[in-house]
Protein backbone atom coordinates (compact mmCIF):
# COMPACT_ATOMS: atom_id res chain seq x y z
CA MET A 1 3.13 8.00 -34.65
CA ASN A 2 1.12 5.05 -35.93
CA VAL A 3 -2.54 4.25 -35.24
CA HIS A 4 -1.72 1.75 -32.45
CA GLU A 5 0.47 4.27 -30.60
CA LEU A 6 -2.19 6.97 -30.96
CA THR A 7 -4.92 4.66 -29.64
CA SER A 8 -2.68 3.49 -26.81
CA SER A 9 -1.78 7.07 -25.89
CA THR A 10 -5.44 8.13 -25.89
CA THR A 11 -6.44 5.13 -23.76
CA LEU A 12 -3.62 5.82 -21.30
CA ARG A 13 -4.64 9.48 -20.98
CA HIS A 14 -8.26 8.42 -20.41
CA GLU A 15 -7.18 5.98 -17.68
CA GLU A 16 -5.06 8.67 -16.00
CA ASP A 17 -8.00 11.10 -16.08
CA GLU A 18 -10.29 8.42 -14.65
CA ASN A 19 -7.77 7.71 -11.88
CA ARG A 20 -7.50 11.42 -11.03
CA ASP A 21 -11.31 11.69 -10.90
CA LEU A 22 -11.43 8.77 -8.46
CA VAL A 23 -8.79 10.38 -6.25
CA GLU A 24 -10.66 13.71 -6.28
CA SER A 25 -13.87 11.89 -5.39
CA PHE A 26 -12.14 10.14 -2.49
CA VAL A 27 -10.65 13.43 -1.21
CA ARG A 28 -14.08 15.07 -1.39
CA TRP A 29 -15.69 12.13 0.46
CA SER A 30 -12.97 12.30 3.13
CA ARG A 31 -13.61 16.01 3.70
CA GLU A 32 -17.37 15.49 3.86
CA ASN A 33 -16.88 12.79 6.48
CA LEU A 34 -14.44 14.90 8.50
CA LEU A 35 -11.46 12.66 7.73
CA GLN A 36 -8.10 14.32 7.27
CA LEU A 37 -5.70 12.83 4.72
CA ASN A 38 -1.98 12.94 5.49
CA VAL A 39 -0.51 13.59 2.05
CA THR A 40 3.08 13.22 3.29
CA LYS A 41 2.33 9.58 4.21
CA THR A 42 0.39 8.91 1.01
CA LYS A 43 2.24 7.11 -1.78
CA GLU A 44 1.37 6.35 -5.39
CA MET A 45 2.62 3.23 -7.13
CA VAL A 46 1.98 3.09 -10.86
CA VAL A 47 1.69 -0.36 -12.42
CA ASP A 48 2.19 0.13 -16.14
CA PHE A 49 3.15 -2.60 -18.60
CA SER A 50 3.18 -0.33 -21.64
CA ASN A 51 6.36 0.62 -23.46
CA SER A 52 5.83 4.26 -22.51
CA LYS A 53 8.98 5.77 -21.06
CA SER A 54 7.39 8.99 -19.81
CA PRO A 55 6.52 8.89 -16.11
CA PRO A 56 2.97 9.89 -15.22
CA SER A 57 2.38 13.19 -13.49
CA PRO A 58 1.88 12.70 -9.76
CA VAL A 59 -1.55 12.83 -8.15
CA CYS A 60 -2.21 16.12 -6.37
CA ILE A 61 -4.12 16.16 -3.06
CA SER A 62 -4.84 19.46 -1.31
CA GLY A 63 -2.29 21.24 -3.51
CA LYS A 64 0.52 18.76 -2.69
CA ASP A 65 1.97 16.18 -5.08
CA VAL A 66 1.81 12.57 -3.90
CA GLU A 67 5.17 10.79 -4.03
CA ILE A 68 5.45 8.12 -6.74
CA VAL A 69 7.27 5.02 -5.45
CA PRO A 70 8.52 1.90 -7.29
CA SER A 71 7.47 -0.43 -4.45
CA TYR A 72 5.23 -0.36 -1.41
CA ARG A 73 4.68 -2.53 1.64
CA PHE A 74 1.00 -3.37 2.13
CA LEU A 75 -0.22 -5.69 4.89
CA GLY A 76 3.25 -7.19 5.26
CA VAL A 77 3.69 -7.91 1.54
CA GLN A 78 6.19 -5.93 -0.51
CA LEU A 79 4.56 -5.02 -3.85
CA ASP A 80 6.46 -3.50 -6.76
CA ASN A 81 5.34 -1.66 -9.88
CA LYS A 82 6.14 -4.65 -12.10
CA LEU A 83 4.13 -7.04 -9.91
CA GLU A 84 7.17 -9.27 -9.47
CA TRP A 85 7.84 -11.22 -6.29
CA SER A 86 11.59 -10.63 -6.08
CA THR A 87 11.24 -7.52 -3.87
CA ASN A 88 8.99 -9.37 -1.44
CA THR A 89 11.15 -12.50 -1.52
CA ASP A 90 14.27 -10.45 -0.75
CA ALA A 91 12.53 -8.72 2.19
CA VAL A 92 11.31 -12.05 3.64
CA TYR A 93 14.78 -13.60 3.16
CA LYS A 94 16.47 -10.69 4.93
CA LYS A 95 14.02 -10.86 7.85
CA ALA A 96 14.36 -14.65 8.14
CA MET A 97 18.16 -14.48 8.13
CA SER A 98 18.04 -11.91 10.92
CA ARG A 99 15.81 -14.20 12.99
CA LEU A 100 17.97 -17.22 12.19
CA TYR A 101 20.93 -15.44 13.76
CA PHE A 102 19.07 -15.32 17.08
CA LEU A 103 18.13 -18.99 16.80
CA ARG A 104 21.80 -19.87 16.30
CA ARG A 105 22.80 -17.71 19.26
CA LEU A 106 20.28 -19.47 21.48
CA ARG A 107 21.67 -22.83 20.38
CA SER A 108 25.21 -21.68 21.14
CA PHE A 109 24.06 -21.00 24.73
CA SER A 110 22.90 -24.63 24.99
CA VAL A 111 19.21 -23.75 25.21
CA CYS A 112 17.08 -26.91 25.31
CA SER A 113 15.62 -28.17 22.03
CA ARG A 114 12.05 -27.60 23.24
CA MET A 115 12.77 -23.87 23.71
CA LEU A 116 14.54 -23.71 20.35
CA HIS A 117 11.50 -25.29 18.72
CA MET A 118 9.19 -22.77 20.44
CA PHE A 119 11.40 -19.91 19.26
CA TYR A 120 11.37 -21.29 15.72
CA GLN A 121 7.57 -21.67 15.70
CA SER A 122 6.85 -18.24 17.14
CA VAL A 123 9.54 -16.13 15.45
CA MET A 124 10.94 -17.93 12.40
CA ALA A 125 7.89 -19.72 11.02
CA SER A 126 5.66 -16.67 11.38
CA THR A 127 8.15 -14.67 9.31
CA ILE A 128 8.55 -17.25 6.58
CA PHE A 129 4.93 -18.36 6.29
CA PHE A 130 3.19 -15.05 7.18
CA LEU A 131 1.29 -16.58 10.11
């Protein structure tokens, strides 16, 4: 192990310890304010750009390990642990194609263009542009 790897490993361990301390502080605050955390619905997504192949140990809340996930949907945006947009783009594409099917079906029933435009604005555009 060279000096860079040793320093990187020590820094990573320090960051993990700091993260665990923050989680413990949040759990304590929640208890003090009579808020109950649902650990089964809690997810952990680790964003790590280091070359480390070893997965971090999961966060433990109330004696239960929090599930580590590679991606997570937050406020309608699909985030992944590499901070790439492909996961989100794929999800938006899939949703838009599903909505497009309904637009085509409406057109096949000879729905007037004004109604098709309203459907597009309310259902399609809101999906594509996050309105």
